PDB file of N, CA and C in Angstrom:
ATOM      1  N   MET A   1      90.434 -10.642  25.888  1.00  0.00           N
ATOM      2  CA  MET A   1      90.173 -10.115  27.221  1.00  0.00           C
ATOM      3  C   MET A   1      88.880 -10.721  27.753  1.00  0.00           C
ATOM      4  N   MET A   2      88.953 -11.313  28.915  1.00  0.00           N
ATOM      5  CA  MET A   2      87.779 -11.904  29.552  1.00  0.00           C
ATOM      6  C   MET A   2      87.066 -10.828  30.372  1.00  0.00           C
ATOM      7  N   VAL A   3      85.763 -10.814  30.257  1.00  0.00           N
ATOM      8  CA  VAL A   3      84.953  -9.879  31.029  1.00  0.00           C
ATOM      9  C   VAL A   3      83.914 -10.688  31.784  1.00  0.00           C
ATOM     10  N   ASP A   4      83.806 -10.433  33.064  1.00  0.00           N
ATOM     11  CA  ASP A   4      82.769 -11.073  33.866  1.00  0.00           C
ATOM     12  C   ASP A   4      81.445 -10.406  33.490  1.00  0.00           C
ATOM     13  N   ALA A   5      80.572 -11.155  32.825  1.00  0.00           N
ATOM     14  CA  ALA A   5      79.315 -10.603  32.319  1.00  0.00           C
ATOM     15  C   ALA A   5      78.466 -10.000  33.426  1.00  0.00           C
ATOM     16  N   ALA A   6      78.378 -10.677  34.552  1.00  0.00           N
ATOM     17  CA  ALA A   6      77.556 -10.157  35.653  1.00  0.00           C
ATOM     18  C   ALA A   6      78.095  -8.827  36.153  1.00  0.00           C
ATOM     19  N   LYS A   7      79.428  -8.708  36.278  1.00  0.00           N
ATOM     20  CA  LYS A   7      80.013  -7.441  36.741  1.00  0.00           C
ATOM     21  C   LYS A   7      79.805  -6.331  35.715  1.00  0.00           C
ATOM     22  N   PHE A   8      79.929  -6.662  34.427  1.00  0.00           N
ATOM     23  CA  PHE A   8      79.705  -5.679  33.369  1.00  0.00           C
ATOM     24  C   PHE A   8      78.266  -5.180  33.390  1.00  0.00           C
ATOM     25  N   VAL A   9      77.324  -6.127  33.487  1.00  0.00           N
ATOM     26  CA  VAL A   9      75.912  -5.748  33.518  1.00  0.00           C
ATOM     27  C   VAL A   9      75.615  -4.922  34.761  1.00  0.00           C
ATOM     28  N   GLU A  10      76.119  -5.353  35.915  1.00  0.00           N
ATOM     29  CA  GLU A  10      75.866  -4.615  37.155  1.00  0.00           C
ATOM     30  C   GLU A  10      76.420  -3.194  37.074  1.00  0.00           C
ATOM     31  N   LYS A  11      77.639  -3.055  36.565  1.00  0.00           N
ATOM     32  CA  LYS A  11      78.251  -1.721  36.459  1.00  0.00           C
ATOM     33  C   LYS A  11      77.416  -0.804  35.570  1.00  0.00           C
ATOM     34  N   ASN A  12      77.027  -1.304  34.404  1.00  0.00           N
ATOM     35  CA  ASN A  12      76.265  -0.473  33.483  1.00  0.00           C
ATOM     36  C   ASN A  12      74.835  -0.260  33.950  1.00  0.00           C
ATOM     37  N   TYR A  13      74.258  -1.263  34.574  1.00  0.00           N
ATOM     38  CA  TYR A  13      72.918  -1.139  35.150  1.00  0.00           C
ATOM     39  C   TYR A  13      72.909  -0.023  36.187  1.00  0.00           C
ATOM     40  N   SER A  14      73.879  -0.051  37.101  1.00  0.00           N
ATOM     41  CA  SER A  14      73.943   0.973  38.150  1.00  0.00           C
ATOM     42  C   SER A  14      74.191   2.362  37.555  1.00  0.00           C
ATOM     43  N   LYS A  15      75.051   2.429  36.544  1.00  0.00           N
ATOM     44  CA  LYS A  15      75.331   3.709  35.881  1.00  0.00           C
ATOM     45  C   LYS A  15      74.060   4.287  35.254  1.00  0.00           C
ATOM     46  N   VAL A  16      73.297   3.442  34.559  1.00  0.00           N
ATOM     47  CA  VAL A  16      72.065   3.902  33.911  1.00  0.00           C
ATOM     48  C   VAL A  16      71.033   4.316  34.956  1.00  0.00           C
ATOM     49  N   CYS A  17      70.812   3.486  35.965  1.00  0.00           N
ATOM     50  CA  CYS A  17      69.815   3.812  37.002  1.00  0.00           C
ATOM     51  C   CYS A  17      70.194   5.088  37.744  1.00  0.00           C
ATOM     52  N   ASN A  18      71.452   5.217  38.096  1.00  0.00           N
ATOM     53  CA  ASN A  18      71.896   6.420  38.791  1.00  0.00           C
ATOM     54  C   ASN A  18      71.681   7.653  37.916  1.00  0.00           C
ATOM     55  N   GLY A  19      71.979   7.534  36.621  1.00  0.00           N
ATOM     56  CA  GLY A  19      71.779   8.653  35.709  1.00  0.00           C
ATOM     57  C   GLY A  19      70.323   9.044  35.586  1.00  0.00           C
ATOM     58  N   ILE A  20      69.441   8.056  35.515  1.00  0.00           N
ATOM     59  CA  ILE A  20      68.003   8.345  35.409  1.00  0.00           C
ATOM     60  C   ILE A  20      67.520   9.085  36.642  1.00  0.00           C
ATOM     61  N   VAL A  21      67.894   8.607  37.813  1.00  0.00           N
ATOM     62  CA  VAL A  21      67.487   9.285  39.051  1.00  0.00           C
ATOM     63  C   VAL A  21      68.095  10.691  39.098  1.00  0.00           C
ATOM     64  N   ALA A  22      69.368  10.815  38.766  1.00  0.00           N
ATOM     65  CA  ALA A  22      70.034  12.121  38.809  1.00  0.00           C
ATOM     66  C   ALA A  22      69.428  13.107  37.819  1.00  0.00           C
ATOM     67  N   ASP A  23      68.939  12.631  36.677  1.00  0.00           N
ATOM     68  CA  ASP A  23      68.370  13.521  35.663  1.00  0.00           C
ATOM     69  C   ASP A  23      66.885  13.796  35.856  1.00  0.00           C
ATOM     70  N   THR A  24      66.289  13.239  36.898  1.00  0.00           N
ATOM     71  CA  THR A  24      64.869  13.475  37.166  1.00  0.00           C
ATOM     72  C   THR A  24      64.709  14.828  37.858  1.00  0.00           C
ATOM     73  N   PRO A  25      63.967  15.757  37.221  1.00  0.00           N
ATOM     74  CA  PRO A  25      63.761  17.067  37.843  1.00  0.00           C
ATOM     75  C   PRO A  25      63.028  16.930  39.180  1.00  0.00           C
ATOM     76  N   VAL A  26      63.348  17.814  40.097  1.00  0.00           N
ATOM     77  CA  VAL A  26      62.758  17.749  41.431  1.00  0.00           C
ATOM     78  C   VAL A  26      62.054  19.058  41.765  1.00  0.00           C
ATOM     79  N   ILE A  27      60.782  18.943  42.068  1.00  0.00           N
ATOM     80  CA  ILE A  27      60.041  20.067  42.643  1.00  0.00           C
ATOM     81  C   ILE A  27      59.521  19.621  44.003  1.00  0.00           C
ATOM     82  N   THR A  28      58.679  18.572  44.022  1.00  0.00           N
ATOM     83  CA  THR A  28      58.172  18.057  45.294  1.00  0.00           C
ATOM     84  C   THR A  28      58.940  16.827  45.761  1.00  0.00           C
ATOM     85  N   GLY A  29      59.580  16.122  44.833  1.00  0.00           N
ATOM     86  CA  GLY A  29      60.282  14.892  45.160  1.00  0.00           C
ATOM     87  C   GLY A  29      59.467  13.647  44.891  1.00  0.00           C
ATOM     88  N   LYS A  30      58.230  13.803  44.444  1.00  0.00           N
ATOM     89  CA  LYS A  30      57.359  12.654  44.163  1.00  0.00           C
ATOM     90  C   LYS A  30      57.908  11.829  42.995  1.00  0.00           C
ATOM     91  N   LEU A  31      58.273  12.479  41.905  1.00  0.00           N
ATOM     92  CA  LEU A  31      58.740  11.766  40.713  1.00  0.00           C
ATOM     93  C   LEU A  31      60.076  11.075  40.956  1.00  0.00           C
ATOM     94  N   ILE A  32      61.028  11.778  41.509  1.00  0.00           N
ATOM     95  CA  ILE A  32      62.362  11.207  41.707  1.00  0.00           C
ATOM     96  C   ILE A  32      62.352  10.039  42.703  1.00  0.00           C
ATOM     97  N   ASN A  33      61.420  10.030  43.610  1.00  0.00           N
ATOM     98  CA  ASN A  33      61.383   9.006  44.648  1.00  0.00           C
ATOM     99  C   ASN A  33      60.535   7.789  44.263  1.00  0.00           C
ATOM    100  N   ASN A  34      60.026   7.760  43.025  1.00  0.00           N
ATOM    101  CA  ASN A  34      59.134   6.675  42.618  1.00  0.00           C
ATOM    102  C   ASN A  34      59.659   5.815  41.477  1.00  0.00           C
ATOM    103  N   TRP A  35      60.968   5.753  41.285  1.00  0.00           N
ATOM    104  CA  TRP A  35      61.551   4.791  40.348  1.00  0.00           C
ATOM    105  C   TRP A  35      61.603   3.447  41.056  1.00  0.00           C
ATOM    106  N   ASN A  36      61.087   2.413  40.411  1.00  0.00           N
ATOM    107  CA  ASN A  36      61.004   1.079  40.998  1.00  0.00           C
ATOM    108  C   ASN A  36      61.737   0.084  40.111  1.00  0.00           C
ATOM    109  N   ALA A  37      62.780  -0.531  40.628  1.00  0.00           N
ATOM    110  CA  ALA A  37      63.568  -1.497  39.878  1.00  0.00           C
ATOM    111  C   ALA A  37      63.151  -2.913  40.256  1.00  0.00           C
ATOM    112  N   THR A  38      62.985  -3.763  39.235  1.00  0.00           N
ATOM    113  CA  THR A  38      62.640  -5.164  39.460  1.00  0.00           C
ATOM    114  C   THR A  38      63.230  -6.023  38.341  1.00  0.00           C
ATOM    115  N   ILE A  39      63.353  -7.286  38.608  1.00  0.00           N
ATOM    116  CA  ILE A  39      63.716  -8.270  37.599  1.00  0.00           C
ATOM    117  C   ILE A  39      62.518  -9.197  37.449  1.00  0.00           C
ATOM    118  N   GLY A  40      62.103  -9.445  36.216  1.00  0.00           N
ATOM    119  CA  GLY A  40      61.019 -10.390  35.957  1.00  0.00           C
ATOM    120  C   GLY A  40      59.697  -9.762  35.590  1.00  0.00           C
ATOM    121  N   SER A  41      59.218  -8.832  36.385  1.00  0.00           N
ATOM    122  CA  SER A  41      57.953  -8.163  36.080  1.00  0.00           C
ATOM    123  C   SER A  41      57.964  -6.775  36.712  1.00  0.00           C
ATOM    124  N   PRO A  42      57.221  -5.838  36.090  1.00  0.00           N
ATOM    125  CA  PRO A  42      57.211  -4.470  36.630  1.00  0.00           C
ATOM    126  C   PRO A  42      56.483  -4.399  37.964  1.00  0.00           C
ATOM    127  N   LEU A  43      56.810  -3.374  38.719  1.00  0.00           N
ATOM    128  CA  LEU A  43      56.218  -3.165  40.033  1.00  0.00           C
ATOM    129  C   LEU A  43      55.716  -1.734  40.115  1.00  0.00           C
ATOM    130  N   ALA A  44      54.479  -1.583  40.521  1.00  0.00           N
ATOM    131  CA  ALA A  44      53.915  -0.245  40.702  1.00  0.00           C
ATOM    132  C   ALA A  44      53.820   0.033  42.195  1.00  0.00           C
ATOM    133  N   VAL A  45      54.592   0.992  42.652  1.00  0.00           N
ATOM    134  CA  VAL A  45      54.585   1.395  44.051  1.00  0.00           C
ATOM    135  C   VAL A  45      54.369   2.904  44.077  1.00  0.00           C
ATOM    136  N   ASP A  46      53.580   3.362  45.004  1.00  0.00           N
ATOM    137  CA  ASP A  46      53.366   4.806  45.142  1.00  0.00           C
ATOM    138  C   ASP A  46      54.040   5.243  46.431  1.00  0.00           C
ATOM    139  N   ARG A  47      55.213   5.821  46.283  1.00  0.00           N
ATOM    140  CA  ARG A  47      55.968   6.276  47.452  1.00  0.00           C
ATOM    141  C   ARG A  47      55.681   7.740  47.735  1.00  0.00           C
ATOM    142  N   SER A  48      56.021   8.143  48.930  1.00  0.00           N
ATOM    143  CA  SER A  48      55.872   9.547  49.304  1.00  0.00           C
ATOM    144  C   SER A  48      56.978  10.374  48.659  1.00  0.00           C
ATOM    145  N   GLU A  49      56.892  11.653  48.840  1.00  0.00           N
ATOM    146  CA  GLU A  49      57.902  12.561  48.309  1.00  0.00           C
ATOM    147  C   GLU A  49      59.225  12.360  49.032  1.00  0.00           C
ATOM    148  N   GLY A  50      60.280  12.582  48.314  1.00  0.00           N
ATOM    149  CA  GLY A  50      61.620  12.485  48.887  1.00  0.00           C
ATOM    150  C   GLY A  50      62.587  13.125  47.911  1.00  0.00           C
ATOM    151  N   LYS A  51      62.960  14.352  48.146  1.00  0.00           N
ATOM    152  CA  LYS A  51      63.735  15.116  47.172  1.00  0.00           C
ATOM    153  C   LYS A  51      65.100  14.530  46.850  1.00  0.00           C
ATOM    154  N   SER A  52      65.615  13.645  47.686  1.00  0.00           N
ATOM    155  CA  SER A  52      66.909  13.026  47.393  1.00  0.00           C
ATOM    156  C   SER A  52      66.747  11.826  46.464  1.00  0.00           C
ATOM    157  N   GLY A  53      65.534  11.275  46.363  1.00  0.00           N
ATOM    158  CA  GLY A  53      65.309  10.078  45.559  1.00  0.00           C
ATOM    159  C   GLY A  53      65.868   8.828  46.205  1.00  0.00           C
ATOM    160  N   GLN A  54      66.079   8.867  47.504  1.00  0.00           N
ATOM    161  CA  GLN A  54      66.714   7.760  48.214  1.00  0.00           C
ATOM    162  C   GLN A  54      65.963   6.438  48.066  1.00  0.00           C
ATOM    163  N   ASP A  55      64.635   6.473  48.042  1.00  0.00           N
ATOM    164  CA  ASP A  55      63.885   5.228  47.871  1.00  0.00           C
ATOM    165  C   ASP A  55      64.139   4.622  46.495  1.00  0.00           C
ATOM    166  N   SER A  56      64.270   5.460  45.471  1.00  0.00           N
ATOM    167  CA  SER A  56      64.581   4.979  44.127  1.00  0.00           C
ATOM    168  C   SER A  56      65.976   4.362  44.093  1.00  0.00           C
ATOM    169  N   VAL A  57      66.927   5.027  44.709  1.00  0.00           N
ATOM    170  CA  VAL A  57      68.301   4.517  44.756  1.00  0.00           C
ATOM    171  C   VAL A  57      68.337   3.182  45.492  1.00  0.00           C
ATOM    172  N   SER A  58      67.650   3.089  46.600  1.00  0.00           N
ATOM    173  CA  SER A  58      67.599   1.834  47.358  1.00  0.00           C
ATOM    174  C   SER A  58      66.991   0.715  46.518  1.00  0.00           C
ATOM    175  N   SER A  59      65.980   1.043  45.728  1.00  0.00           N
ATOM    176  CA  SER A  59      65.317   0.050  44.891  1.00  0.00           C
ATOM    177  C   SER A  59      66.271  -0.512  43.846  1.00  0.00           C
ATOM    178  N   TYR A  60      66.986   0.356  43.126  1.00  0.00           N
ATOM    179  CA  TYR A  60      67.874  -0.177  42.092  1.00  0.00           C
ATOM    180  C   TYR A  60      69.119  -0.822  42.685  1.00  0.00           C
ATOM    181  N   LYS A  61      69.562  -0.380  43.844  1.00  0.00           N
ATOM    182  CA  LYS A  61      70.711  -1.033  44.480  1.00  0.00           C
ATOM    183  C   LYS A  61      70.350  -2.435  44.974  1.00  0.00           C
ATOM    184  N   ALA A  62      69.121  -2.617  45.435  1.00  0.00           N
ATOM    185  CA  ALA A  62      68.677  -3.948  45.868  1.00  0.00           C
ATOM    186  C   ALA A  62      68.665  -4.915  44.683  1.00  0.00           C
ATOM    187  N   VAL A  63      68.224  -4.441  43.533  1.00  0.00           N
ATOM    188  CA  VAL A  63      68.209  -5.286  42.344  1.00  0.00           C
ATOM    189  C   VAL A  63      69.638  -5.563  41.876  1.00  0.00           C
ATOM    190  N   ALA A  64      70.535  -4.596  42.008  1.00  0.00           N
ATOM    191  CA  ALA A  64      71.937  -4.797  41.603  1.00  0.00           C
ATOM    192  C   ALA A  64      72.548  -5.987  42.345  1.00  0.00           C
ATOM    193  N   LYS A  65      72.134  -6.193  43.586  1.00  0.00           N
ATOM    194  CA  LYS A  65      72.651  -7.319  44.370  1.00  0.00           C
ATOM    195  C   LYS A  65      72.153  -8.663  43.829  1.00  0.00           C
ATOM    196  N   GLU A  66      71.067  -8.628  43.049  1.00  0.00           N
ATOM    197  CA  GLU A  66      70.502  -9.851  42.479  1.00  0.00           C
ATOM    198  C   GLU A  66      71.121 -10.214  41.134  1.00  0.00           C
ATOM    199  N   ILE A  67      71.961  -9.341  40.582  1.00  0.00           N
ATOM    200  CA  ILE A  67      72.550  -9.614  39.270  1.00  0.00           C
ATOM    201  C   ILE A  67      73.643 -10.664  39.414  1.00  0.00           C
ATOM    202  N   THR A  68      73.385 -11.793  38.799  1.00  0.00           N
ATOM    203  CA  THR A  68      74.308 -12.924  38.809  1.00  0.00           C
ATOM    204  C   THR A  68      74.293 -13.516  37.401  1.00  0.00           C
ATOM    205  N   PRO A  69      75.184 -14.433  37.117  1.00  0.00           N
ATOM    206  CA  PRO A  69      75.111 -15.097  35.804  1.00  0.00           C
ATOM    207  C   PRO A  69      73.735 -15.726  35.528  1.00  0.00           C
ATOM    208  N   LYS A  70      73.023 -16.144  36.572  1.00  0.00           N
ATOM    209  CA  LYS A  70      71.701 -16.751  36.390  1.00  0.00           C
ATOM    210  C   LYS A  70      70.633 -15.723  36.006  1.00  0.00           C
ATOM    211  N   THR A  71      70.794 -14.469  36.418  1.00  0.00           N
ATOM    212  CA  THR A  71      69.773 -13.463  36.108  1.00  0.00           C
ATOM    213  C   THR A  71      70.040 -12.746  34.791  1.00  0.00           C
ATOM    214  N   ILE A  72      71.234 -12.881  34.228  1.00  0.00           N
ATOM    215  CA  ILE A  72      71.527 -12.225  32.958  1.00  0.00           C
ATOM    216  C   ILE A  72      70.637 -12.832  31.892  1.00  0.00           C
ATOM    217  N   GLY A  73      69.988 -11.991  31.152  1.00  0.00           N
ATOM    218  CA  GLY A  73      69.050 -12.434  30.122  1.00  0.00           C
ATOM    219  C   GLY A  73      67.602 -12.295  30.557  1.00  0.00           C
ATOM    220  N   GLN A  74      67.361 -12.143  31.846  1.00  0.00           N
ATOM    221  CA  GLN A  74      66.001 -11.908  32.313  1.00  0.00           C
ATOM    222  C   GLN A  74      65.635 -10.445  32.074  1.00  0.00           C
ATOM    223  N   LYS A  75      64.351 -10.175  32.014  1.00  0.00           N
ATOM    224  CA  LYS A  75      63.898  -8.804  31.800  1.00  0.00           C
ATOM    225  C   LYS A  75      64.065  -7.995  33.078  1.00  0.00           C
ATOM    226  N   PHE A  76      64.564  -6.789  32.887  1.00  0.00           N
ATOM    227  CA  PHE A  76      64.741  -5.825  33.966  1.00  0.00           C
ATOM    228  C   PHE A  76      63.751  -4.700  33.735  1.00  0.00           C
ATOM    229  N   PHE A  77      63.134  -4.218  34.784  1.00  0.00           N
ATOM    230  CA  PHE A  77      62.178  -3.119  34.676  1.00  0.00           C
ATOM    231  C   PHE A  77      62.585  -1.986  35.606  1.00  0.00           C
ATOM    232  N   LEU A  78      62.504  -0.779  35.100  1.00  0.00           N
ATOM    233  CA  LEU A  78      62.632   0.421  35.923  1.00  0.00           C
ATOM    234  C   LEU A  78      61.407   1.247  35.583  1.00  0.00           C
ATOM    235  N   THR A  79      60.450   1.248  36.484  1.00  0.00           N
ATOM    236  CA  THR A  79      59.168   1.892  36.219  1.00  0.00           C
ATOM    237  C   THR A  79      58.961   3.076  37.158  1.00  0.00           C
ATOM    238  N   ASN A  80      58.101   3.972  36.707  1.00  0.00           N
ATOM    239  CA  ASN A  80      57.711   5.109  37.524  1.00  0.00           C
ATOM    240  C   ASN A  80      56.239   5.347  37.256  1.00  0.00           C
ATOM    241  N   GLY A  81      55.414   5.102  38.259  1.00  0.00           N
ATOM    242  CA  GLY A  81      53.972   5.203  38.097  1.00  0.00           C
ATOM    243  C   GLY A  81      53.381   6.573  38.343  1.00  0.00           C
ATOM    244  N   VAL A  82      54.209   7.567  38.578  1.00  0.00           N
ATOM    245  CA  VAL A  82      53.682   8.913  38.802  1.00  0.00           C
ATOM    246  C   VAL A  82      53.014   9.383  37.509  1.00  0.00           C
ATOM    247  N   GLU A  83      51.785   9.857  37.617  1.00  0.00           N
ATOM    248  CA  GLU A  83      50.959  10.147  36.446  1.00  0.00           C
ATOM    249  C   GLU A  83      51.560  11.163  35.470  1.00  0.00           C
ATOM    250  N   TYR A  84      52.450  11.998  35.900  1.00  0.00           N
ATOM    251  CA  TYR A  84      53.014  13.014  35.001  1.00  0.00           C
ATOM    252  C   TYR A  84      54.428  12.679  34.523  1.00  0.00           C
ATOM    253  N   ALA A  85      54.911  11.474  34.789  1.00  0.00           N
ATOM    254  CA  ALA A  85      56.277  11.084  34.392  1.00  0.00           C
ATOM    255  C   ALA A  85      56.485  11.210  32.884  1.00  0.00           C
ATOM    256  N   ASN A  86      55.524  10.793  32.100  1.00  0.00           N
ATOM    257  CA  ASN A  86      55.641  10.863  30.642  1.00  0.00           C
ATOM    258  C   ASN A  86      55.748  12.315  30.155  1.00  0.00           C
ATOM    259  N   ARG A  87      54.980  13.207  30.760  1.00  0.00           N
ATOM    260  CA  ARG A  87      55.046  14.627  30.363  1.00  0.00           C
ATOM    261  C   ARG A  87      56.394  15.231  30.707  1.00  0.00           C
ATOM    262  N   VAL A  88      56.985  14.810  31.816  1.00  0.00           N
ATOM    263  CA  VAL A  88      58.305  15.323  32.184  1.00  0.00           C
ATOM    264  C   VAL A  88      59.350  14.800  31.195  1.00  0.00           C
ATOM    265  N   GLU A  89      59.233  13.535  30.817  1.00  0.00           N
ATOM    266  CA  GLU A  89      60.180  12.924  29.884  1.00  0.00           C
ATOM    267  C   GLU A  89      60.069  13.516  28.481  1.00  0.00           C
ATOM    268  N   PHE A  90      58.853  13.661  27.968  1.00  0.00           N
ATOM    269  CA  PHE A  90      58.662  14.050  26.572  1.00  0.00           C
ATOM    270  C   PHE A  90      58.056  15.430  26.366  1.00  0.00           C
ATOM    271  N   GLY A  91      57.500  16.035  27.411  1.00  0.00           N
ATOM    272  CA  GLY A  91      56.802  17.304  27.230  1.00  0.00           C
ATOM    273  C   GLY A  91      55.413  17.051  26.683  1.00  0.00           C
ATOM    274  N   GLY A  92      54.651  18.104  26.551  1.00  0.00           N
ATOM    275  CA  GLY A  92      53.309  17.986  26.002  1.00  0.00           C
ATOM    276  C   GLY A  92      53.274  18.597  24.614  1.00  0.00           C
ATOM    277  N   GLU A  93      52.405  18.067  23.777  1.00  0.00           N
ATOM    278  CA  GLU A  93      52.327  18.531  22.401  1.00  0.00           C
ATOM    279  C   GLU A  93      52.071  20.030  22.315  1.00  0.00           C
ATOM    280  N   ARG A  94      51.200  20.527  23.172  1.00  0.00           N
ATOM    281  CA  ARG A  94      50.841  21.951  23.113  1.00  0.00           C
ATOM    282  C   ARG A  94      51.346  22.738  24.317  1.00  0.00           C
ATOM    283  N   GLU A  95      52.108  22.097  25.147  1.00  0.00           N
ATOM    284  CA  GLU A  95      52.623  22.763  26.345  1.00  0.00           C
ATOM    285  C   GLU A  95      53.929  23.486  26.043  1.00  0.00           C
ATOM    286  N   PRO A  96      54.058  24.693  26.523  1.00  0.00           N
ATOM    287  CA  PRO A  96      55.383  25.320  26.436  1.00  0.00           C
ATOM    288  C   PRO A  96      56.315  24.620  27.421  1.00  0.00           C
ATOM    289  N   LYS A  97      57.604  24.776  27.259  1.00  0.00           N
ATOM    290  CA  LYS A  97      58.569  24.148  28.178  1.00  0.00           C
ATOM    291  C   LYS A  97      58.308  24.657  29.592  1.00  0.00           C
ATOM    292  N   ARG A  98      58.251  23.739  30.497  1.00  0.00           N
ATOM    293  CA  ARG A  98      58.043  24.054  31.913  1.00  0.00           C
ATOM    294  C   ARG A  98      59.346  23.814  32.656  1.00  0.00           C
ATOM    295  N   PRO A  99      59.548  24.459  33.810  1.00  0.00           N
ATOM    296  CA  PRO A  99      60.794  24.242  34.548  1.00  0.00           C
ATOM    297  C   PRO A  99      60.951  22.809  35.048  1.00  0.00           C
ATOM    298  N   TRP A 100      59.863  22.056  35.129  1.00  0.00           N
ATOM    299  CA  TRP A 100      59.947  20.685  35.613  1.00  0.00           C
ATOM    300  C   TRP A 100      60.191  19.696  34.493  1.00  0.00           C
ATOM    301  N   GLN A 101      60.237  20.130  33.255  1.00  0.00           N
ATOM    302  CA  GLN A 101      60.496  19.205  32.155  1.00  0.00           C
ATOM    303  C   GLN A 101      61.992  18.998  31.971  1.00  0.00           C
ATOM    304  N   ASN A 102      62.354  17.844  31.498  1.00  0.00           N
ATOM    305  CA  ASN A 102      63.740  17.563  31.168  1.00  0.00           C
ATOM    306  C   ASN A 102      63.803  17.377  29.662  1.00  0.00           C
ATOM    307  N   PRO A 103      64.227  18.394  28.913  1.00  0.00           N
ATOM    308  CA  PRO A 103      64.141  18.336  27.447  1.00  0.00           C
ATOM    309  C   PRO A 103      64.946  17.199  26.812  1.00  0.00           C
ATOM    310  N   LYS A 104      66.004  16.750  27.468  1.00  0.00           N
ATOM    311  CA  LYS A 104      66.778  15.637  26.905  1.00  0.00           C
ATOM    312  C   LYS A 104      66.235  14.285  27.366  1.00  0.00           C
ATOM    313  N   GLY A 105      65.335  14.294  28.313  1.00  0.00           N
ATOM    314  CA  GLY A 105      64.757  13.062  28.822  1.00  0.00           C
ATOM    315  C   GLY A 105      65.577  12.473  29.950  1.00  0.00           C
ATOM    316  N   MET A 106      64.894  11.802  30.841  1.00  0.00           N
ATOM    317  CA  MET A 106      65.557  11.132  31.962  1.00  0.00           C
ATOM    318  C   MET A 106      65.989   9.744  31.523  1.00  0.00           C
ATOM    319  N   LEU A 107      65.078   9.051  30.871  1.00  0.00           N
ATOM    320  CA  LEU A 107      65.328   7.679  30.439  1.00  0.00           C
ATOM    321  C   LEU A 107      66.115   7.620  29.135  1.00  0.00           C
ATOM    322  N   ARG A 108      65.633   8.359  28.137  1.00  0.00           N
ATOM    323  CA  ARG A 108      66.209   8.250  26.787  1.00  0.00           C
ATOM    324  C   ARG A 108      67.710   8.440  26.763  1.00  0.00           C
ATOM    325  N   THR A 109      68.192   9.499  27.330  1.00  0.00           N
ATOM    326  CA  THR A 109      69.625   9.802  27.289  1.00  0.00           C
ATOM    327  C   THR A 109      70.442   8.744  28.006  1.00  0.00           C
ATOM    328  N   ASN A 110      70.010   8.352  29.173  1.00  0.00           N
ATOM    329  CA  ASN A 110      70.785   7.377  29.950  1.00  0.00           C
ATOM    330  C   ASN A 110      70.784   5.990  29.315  1.00  0.00           C
ATOM    331  N   ILE A 111      69.679   5.593  28.715  1.00  0.00           N
ATOM    332  CA  ILE A 111      69.636   4.294  28.060  1.00  0.00           C
ATOM    333  C   ILE A 111      70.489   4.319  26.788  1.00  0.00           C
ATOM    334  N   LEU A 112      70.406   5.411  26.045  1.00  0.00           N
ATOM    335  CA  LEU A 112      71.229   5.518  24.831  1.00  0.00           C
ATOM    336  C   LEU A 112      72.728   5.509  25.143  1.00  0.00           C
ATOM    337  N   ASN A 113      73.099   6.034  26.306  1.00  0.00           N
ATOM    338  CA  ASN A 113      74.510   6.087  26.684  1.00  0.00           C
ATOM    339  C   ASN A 113      74.979   4.842  27.439  1.00  0.00           C
ATOM    340  N   ALA A 114      74.104   3.881  27.620  1.00  0.00           N
ATOM    341  CA  ALA A 114      74.468   2.669  28.361  1.00  0.00           C
ATOM    342  C   ALA A 114      75.630   1.959  27.688  1.00  0.00           C
ATOM    343  N   GLY A 115      76.589   1.577  28.493  1.00  0.00           N
ATOM    344  CA  GLY A 115      77.731   0.828  27.989  1.00  0.00           C
ATOM    345  C   GLY A 115      78.792   1.655  27.312  1.00  0.00           C
ATOM    346  N   THR A 116      78.620   2.973  27.294  1.00  0.00           N
ATOM    347  CA  THR A 116      79.626   3.836  26.691  1.00  0.00           C
ATOM    348  C   THR A 116      80.482   4.464  27.778  1.00  0.00           C
ATOM    349  N   LYS A 117      81.576   4.979  27.408  1.00  0.00           N
ATOM    350  CA  LYS A 117      82.532   5.686  28.293  1.00  0.00           C
ATOM    351  C   LYS A 117      83.178   4.755  29.262  1.00  0.00           C
TER     352      LYS A 117
END
């Protein structure tokens, strides 16, 4: 069975990015709206709040359009520069669970499930 590598990567890339945004807890919308997708090098952008995460979705969809056979093998980055992103993903060593934490993680679960189903 022949598989178009670019289409496979794009499909799974979009699935993972969409899952990360969807699993990001929302209180103010700052965290969900600050996922930045790039190919080649990371990008730090500080966006305003947006509870839908539309800026994050637009960012990863723009990169999806760049996925071609020539870009396969290049490094892809999905970064979030919000200072509390790590605490939401992993929790704090001495912090009790907060309503804004995601105990299964936003990144971990979606990356582990990449290419499945």
